[in-house]
């Protein structure tokens, strides 16, 4: 994810703007903006039925999107398509690995 975030920023399309959404909405005149923070685990390491089920769905989305996202963004860092595909083999293994307690803040 760090590489994708770096590449997206280099492309002029930062993926880190969510932290500013509340501020920007308030600056635009919206009132009583409510921000709720949570996380989505990338595998079934998380406790509780809700997060385990959420992880199954999110993991499937990640696995389906990884190739397209990576090919589009990592090219901005100078990566070649074959190098990206090779790198994705390990990425997919890591996404499926429940001993890696990764999550996506939302």
C-alpha atoms as a PDB file:
ATOM      1  CA  UNK A   1       0.000   0.000   0.000  1.00  0.00           C
ATOM      2  CA  UNK A   2       2.861   2.371   0.725  1.00  0.00           C
ATOM      3  CA  UNK A   3       4.072   2.010  -2.859  1.00  0.00           C
ATOM      4  CA  UNK A   4       0.597   2.585  -4.279  1.00  0.00           C
ATOM      5  CA  UNK A   5       0.101   5.663  -2.084  1.00  0.00           C
ATOM      6  CA  UNK A   6       3.489   7.011  -3.183  1.00  0.00           C
ATOM      7  CA  UNK A   7       2.710   6.339  -6.847  1.00  0.00           C
ATOM      8  CA  UNK A   8      -0.749   7.904  -6.653  1.00  0.00           C
ATOM      9  CA  UNK A   9       0.739  11.053  -5.110  1.00  0.00           C
ATOM     10  CA  UNK A  10       3.369  11.181  -7.846  1.00  0.00           C
ATOM     11  CA  UNK A  11       0.566  10.894 -10.417  1.00  0.00           C
ATOM     12  CA  UNK A  12      -1.169  13.862  -8.812  1.00  0.00           C
ATOM     13  CA  UNK A  13      -4.034  11.731  -7.465  1.00  0.00           C
ATOM     14  CA  UNK A  14      -3.309  11.339  -3.726  1.00  0.00           C
ATOM     15  CA  UNK A  15      -5.080   8.511  -1.913  1.00  0.00           C
ATOM     16  CA  UNK A  16      -4.622  10.153   1.474  1.00  0.00           C
ATOM     17  CA  UNK A  17      -7.250  12.886   1.203  1.00  0.00           C
ATOM     18  CA  UNK A  18      -9.936  11.124   3.257  1.00  0.00           C
ATOM     19  CA  UNK A  19      -8.477  12.639   6.415  1.00  0.00           C
ATOM     20  CA  UNK A  20      -9.515  16.076   5.106  1.00  0.00           C
ATOM     21  CA  UNK A  21     -13.067  15.288   3.978  1.00  0.00           C
ATOM     22  CA  UNK A  22     -14.770  16.542   7.142  1.00  0.00           C
ATOM     23  CA  UNK A  23     -12.797  19.792   7.106  1.00  0.00           C
ATOM     24  CA  UNK A  24     -13.475  20.347   3.413  1.00  0.00           C
ATOM     25  CA  UNK A  25     -17.203  19.678   3.804  1.00  0.00           C
ATOM     26  CA  UNK A  26     -17.387  22.151   6.687  1.00  0.00           C
ATOM     27  CA  UNK A  27     -15.460  24.737   4.665  1.00  0.00           C
ATOM     28  CA  UNK A  28     -18.045  24.287   1.901  1.00  0.00           C
ATOM     29  CA  UNK A  29     -20.793  25.148   4.376  1.00  0.00           C
ATOM     30  CA  UNK A  30     -22.091  21.758   5.449  1.00  0.00           C
ATOM     31  CA  UNK A  31     -23.203  21.739   9.060  1.00  0.00           C
ATOM     32  CA  UNK A  32     -23.141  19.031  11.716  1.00  0.00           C
ATOM     33  CA  UNK A  33     -20.770  16.855   9.707  1.00  0.00           C
ATOM     34  CA  UNK A  34     -20.308  13.528  11.473  1.00  0.00           C
ATOM     35  CA  UNK A  35     -17.143  11.535  10.963  1.00  0.00           C
ATOM     36  CA  UNK A  36     -17.122   7.883  11.974  1.00  0.00           C
ATOM     37  CA  UNK A  37     -13.809   6.055  11.941  1.00  0.00           C
ATOM     38  CA  UNK A  38     -13.481   2.316  11.659  1.00  0.00           C
ATOM     39  CA  UNK A  39     -11.303  -0.294   9.983  1.00  0.00           C
ATOM     40  CA  UNK A  40     -11.636  -3.179   7.594  1.00  0.00           C
ATOM     41  CA  UNK A  41      -9.297  -6.131   8.210  1.00  0.00           C
ATOM     42  CA  UNK A  42      -7.625  -7.584   5.121  1.00  0.00           C
ATOM     43  CA  UNK A  43      -7.948 -11.173   6.341  1.00  0.00           C
ATOM     44  CA  UNK A  44      -9.823 -13.092   9.011  1.00  0.00           C
ATOM     45  CA  UNK A  45      -7.406 -12.277  11.820  1.00  0.00           C
ATOM     46  CA  UNK A  46      -9.837  -9.849  13.448  1.00  0.00           C
ATOM     47  CA  UNK A  47     -12.065 -10.956  16.291  1.00  0.00           C
ATOM     48  CA  UNK A  48     -15.820 -11.083  16.004  1.00  0.00           C
ATOM     49  CA  UNK A  49     -18.191 -12.447  13.400  1.00  0.00           C
ATOM     50  CA  UNK A  50     -18.848  -9.020  11.839  1.00  0.00           C
ATOM     51  CA  UNK A  51     -15.180  -8.222  11.173  1.00  0.00           C
ATOM     52  CA  UNK A  52     -14.430 -11.762   9.990  1.00  0.00           C
ATOM     53  CA  UNK A  53     -17.266 -11.574   7.438  1.00  0.00           C
ATOM     54  CA  UNK A  54     -16.226  -8.073   6.402  1.00  0.00           C
ATOM     55  CA  UNK A  55     -12.658  -9.316   5.949  1.00  0.00           C
ATOM     56  CA  UNK A  56     -13.763 -12.109   3.608  1.00  0.00           C
ATOM     57  CA  UNK A  57     -15.532  -9.614   1.338  1.00  0.00           C
ATOM     58  CA  UNK A  58     -12.791  -6.999   1.493  1.00  0.00           C
ATOM     59  CA  UNK A  59     -10.067  -9.567   0.837  1.00  0.00           C
ATOM     60  CA  UNK A  60     -11.877 -10.735  -2.287  1.00  0.00           C
ATOM     61  CA  UNK A  61     -12.133  -7.117  -3.474  1.00  0.00           C
ATOM     62  CA  UNK A  62      -8.430  -6.558  -2.807  1.00  0.00           C
ATOM     63  CA  UNK A  63      -7.408  -9.688  -4.653  1.00  0.00           C
ATOM     64  CA  UNK A  64      -9.552  -8.737  -7.650  1.00  0.00           C
ATOM     65  CA  UNK A  65      -8.367  -5.126  -7.722  1.00  0.00           C
ATOM     66  CA  UNK A  66      -4.662  -5.582  -6.926  1.00  0.00           C
ATOM     67  CA  UNK A  67      -3.523  -6.170 -10.505  1.00  0.00           C
ATOM     68  CA  UNK A  68      -5.376  -3.227 -12.030  1.00  0.00           C
ATOM     69  CA  UNK A  69      -4.482  -0.818  -9.241  1.00  0.00           C
ATOM     70  CA  UNK A  70      -0.843  -1.862  -9.257  1.00  0.00           C
ATOM     71  CA  UNK A  71      -0.394  -1.787 -13.025  1.00  0.00           C
ATOM     72  CA  UNK A  72      -1.920   1.682 -13.186  1.00  0.00           C
ATOM     73  CA  UNK A  73      -0.136   3.269 -10.239  1.00  0.00           C
ATOM     74  CA  UNK A  74       3.272   1.590  -9.960  1.00  0.00           C
ATOM     75  CA  UNK A  75       4.065   2.599 -13.523  1.00  0.00           C
ATOM     76  CA  UNK A  76       4.374   6.145 -12.180  1.00  0.00           C
ATOM     77  CA  UNK A  77       7.299   4.898 -10.082  1.00  0.00           C
ATOM     78  CA  UNK A  78       9.003   3.486 -13.154  1.00  0.00           C
ATOM     79  CA  UNK A  79       8.033  -0.150 -12.592  1.00  0.00           C
ATOM     80  CA  UNK A  80       7.691  -2.366 -15.662  1.00  0.00           C
ATOM     81  CA  UNK A  81       4.493  -4.468 -16.063  1.00  0.00           C
ATOM     82  CA  UNK A  82       6.373  -7.766 -15.736  1.00  0.00           C
ATOM     83  CA  UNK A  83       8.021  -6.592 -12.497  1.00  0.00           C
ATOM     84  CA  UNK A  84       4.625  -5.555 -11.138  1.00  0.00           C
ATOM     85  CA  UNK A  85       3.077  -8.935 -11.973  1.00  0.00           C
ATOM     86  CA  UNK A  86       5.969 -10.709 -10.262  1.00  0.00           C
ATOM     87  CA  UNK A  87       5.609  -8.474  -7.199  1.00  0.00           C
ATOM     88  CA  UNK A  88       1.861  -9.193  -7.066  1.00  0.00           C
ATOM     89  CA  UNK A  89       2.472 -12.885  -6.408  1.00  0.00           C
ATOM     90  CA  UNK A  90       3.874 -11.993  -2.975  1.00  0.00           C
ATOM     91  CA  UNK A  91       1.255  -9.288  -2.426  1.00  0.00           C
ATOM     92  CA  UNK A  92      -1.546 -11.816  -2.934  1.00  0.00           C
ATOM     93  CA  UNK A  93       0.129 -14.239  -0.514  1.00  0.00           C
ATOM     94  CA  UNK A  94       0.371 -11.484   2.084  1.00  0.00           C
ATOM     95  CA  UNK A  95      -3.257 -10.431   1.606  1.00  0.00           C
ATOM     96  CA  UNK A  96      -4.353 -14.031   2.281  1.00  0.00           C
ATOM     97  CA  UNK A  97      -2.055 -14.490   5.290  1.00  0.00           C
ATOM     98  CA  UNK A  98      -4.075 -14.207   8.549  1.00  0.00           C
ATOM     99  CA  UNK A  99      -0.877 -13.870  10.594  1.00  0.00           C
ATOM    100  CA  UNK A 100      -0.422 -10.422   9.012  1.00  0.00           C
ATOM    101  CA  UNK A 101      -2.773  -8.213  10.990  1.00  0.00           C
ATOM    102  CA  UNK A 102      -3.306  -5.593   8.309  1.00  0.00           C
ATOM    103  CA  UNK A 103      -6.356  -3.374   7.979  1.00  0.00           C
ATOM    104  CA  UNK A 104      -7.654  -0.445   5.980  1.00  0.00           C
ATOM    105  CA  UNK A 105      -8.807   2.551   7.991  1.00  0.00           C
ATOM    106  CA  UNK A 106     -12.159   3.893   6.796  1.00  0.00           C
END
